[in-house]
Each structure stands twice: as C-alpha cells, then as structure tokens.
Amino acid sequence: MFLEHPNQVLTQEVILSRVWGYDYDGASNVVVVYLRYLRKKMGADRFITVRGAGYKLVDPHEP
C-alpha cells in the first residue's frame, strides 16, 4: 500500500480497509503494530507519522 502511494499520507482507516478488508473485526492498533515491524525492517526514517492525519512512506535521501 505504501509502495503504491509514496509520499502520500494514508490514514489508519484507509490502511485497515484496503489491507485487512472492510469487515476486519480485530485489534484497532494493528496498523501501529505493523508499522513498527516495517520501521525495523526498512528503517525508522522511511515511515513518517503525520500527526492527526496518518502515515506516509518517504525517501530519506530526498530533500
């Protein structure tokens, strides 16, 4: 999802519905948990939290 939409802010609701489906009835913090995994694997500077909006994937080498 992040690779398809680089530098675009994705809300937690959009990520949940597109990745886990509209009928997902699990934990509400699942996006936060998986973002932690992605930050460990790809680097913490790749995923930015946009306060009050969501998350986005950035290239840390671009200005």
C-alpha atoms as a PDB file:
ATOM      1  CA  MET A   1       0.000   0.000   0.000  1.00  0.00           C
ATOM      2  CA  PHE A   2       2.776   2.425   0.913  1.00  0.00           C
ATOM      3  CA  LEU A   3       4.797   1.490  -2.165  1.00  0.00           C
ATOM      4  CA  GLU A   4       1.803   2.184  -4.407  1.00  0.00           C
ATOM      5  CA  HIS A   5       1.349   5.624  -2.811  1.00  0.00           C
ATOM      6  CA  PRO A   6       4.781   7.020  -1.866  1.00  0.00           C
ATOM      7  CA  ASN A   7       4.863  10.470  -0.230  1.00  0.00           C
ATOM      8  CA  GLN A   8       1.094  10.331   0.213  1.00  0.00           C
ATOM      9  CA  VAL A   9      -0.461  10.438   3.677  1.00  0.00           C
ATOM     10  CA  LEU A  10      -2.542   7.328   4.326  1.00  0.00           C
ATOM     11  CA  THR A  11      -4.996   7.313   7.201  1.00  0.00           C
ATOM     12  CA  GLN A  12      -5.250   4.400   9.562  1.00  0.00           C
ATOM     13  CA  GLU A  13      -8.810   3.734   8.344  1.00  0.00           C
ATOM     14  CA  VAL A  14      -7.725   3.565   4.692  1.00  0.00           C
ATOM     15  CA  ILE A  15      -4.888   1.174   5.520  1.00  0.00           C
ATOM     16  CA  LEU A  16      -7.197  -1.056   7.586  1.00  0.00           C
ATOM     17  CA  SER A  17      -9.885  -1.246   4.919  1.00  0.00           C
ATOM     18  CA  ARG A  18      -7.532  -1.837   1.978  1.00  0.00           C
ATOM     19  CA  VAL A  19      -5.131  -4.276   3.629  1.00  0.00           C
ATOM     20  CA  TRP A  20      -7.329  -6.158   6.100  1.00  0.00           C
ATOM     21  CA  GLY A  21     -10.726  -5.578   4.460  1.00  0.00           C
ATOM     22  CA  TYR A  22     -13.859  -3.687   5.398  1.00  0.00           C
ATOM     23  CA  ASP A  23     -15.126  -6.446   7.641  1.00  0.00           C
ATOM     24  CA  TYR A  24     -11.967  -6.646   9.788  1.00  0.00           C
ATOM     25  CA  ASP A  25     -13.002  -7.039  13.401  1.00  0.00           C
ATOM     26  CA  GLY A  26      -9.628  -7.415  15.128  1.00  0.00           C
ATOM     27  CA  ALA A  27      -7.492  -5.110  17.224  1.00  0.00           C
ATOM     28  CA  SER A  28      -7.640  -1.421  16.378  1.00  0.00           C
ATOM     29  CA  ASN A  29      -3.887  -0.970  16.878  1.00  0.00           C
ATOM     30  CA  VAL A  30      -2.913  -3.479  14.185  1.00  0.00           C
ATOM     31  CA  VAL A  31      -1.694  -0.704  11.848  1.00  0.00           C
ATOM     32  CA  VAL A  32       0.591   0.714  14.548  1.00  0.00           C
ATOM     33  CA  VAL A  33       1.998  -2.747  15.271  1.00  0.00           C
ATOM     34  CA  TYR A  34       2.772  -3.479  11.615  1.00  0.00           C
ATOM     35  CA  LEU A  35       4.267  -0.024  11.100  1.00  0.00           C
ATOM     36  CA  ARG A  36       6.669  -0.822  13.918  1.00  0.00           C
ATOM     37  CA  TYR A  37       7.698  -4.003  12.053  1.00  0.00           C
ATOM     38  CA  LEU A  38       8.176  -2.063   8.815  1.00  0.00           C
ATOM     39  CA  ARG A  39      10.249   0.593  10.565  1.00  0.00           C
ATOM     40  CA  LYS A  40      12.529  -2.121  11.975  1.00  0.00           C
ATOM     41  CA  LYS A  41      12.971  -3.784   8.586  1.00  0.00           C
ATOM     42  CA  MET A  42      13.183  -0.750   6.313  1.00  0.00           C
ATOM     43  CA  GLY A  43      14.383   1.965   8.682  1.00  0.00           C
ATOM     44  CA  ALA A  44      12.580   4.307  11.015  1.00  0.00           C
ATOM     45  CA  ASP A  45      13.293   7.296   8.786  1.00  0.00           C
ATOM     46  CA  ARG A  46      11.268   5.775   5.909  1.00  0.00           C
ATOM     47  CA  PHE A  47       7.859   5.992   7.596  1.00  0.00           C
ATOM     48  CA  ILE A  48       6.713   9.369   8.858  1.00  0.00           C
ATOM     49  CA  THR A  49       3.826   9.868  11.254  1.00  0.00           C
ATOM     50  CA  VAL A  50       1.753  12.878  10.240  1.00  0.00           C
ATOM     51  CA  ARG A  51       0.076  13.925  13.466  1.00  0.00           C
ATOM     52  CA  GLY A  52      -3.706  13.847  13.220  1.00  0.00           C
ATOM     53  CA  ALA A  53      -3.628  12.590   9.624  1.00  0.00           C
ATOM     54  CA  GLY A  54      -1.861   9.246   9.212  1.00  0.00           C
ATOM     55  CA  TYR A  55       1.396   7.836   7.888  1.00  0.00           C
ATOM     56  CA  LYS A  56       3.487   8.173   4.760  1.00  0.00           C
ATOM     57  CA  LEU A  57       6.442   6.494   3.126  1.00  0.00           C
ATOM     58  CA  VAL A  58       9.278   8.864   2.215  1.00  0.00           C
ATOM     59  CA  ASP A  59      12.710   8.572   0.634  1.00  0.00           C
ATOM     60  CA  PRO A  60      15.138   9.642   3.369  1.00  0.00           C
ATOM     61  CA  HIS A  61      17.699  10.681   0.720  1.00  0.00           C
ATOM     62  CA  GLU A  62      15.415  13.232  -0.955  1.00  0.00           C
ATOM     63  CA  PRO A  63      15.499  16.796   0.382  1.00  0.00           C
END
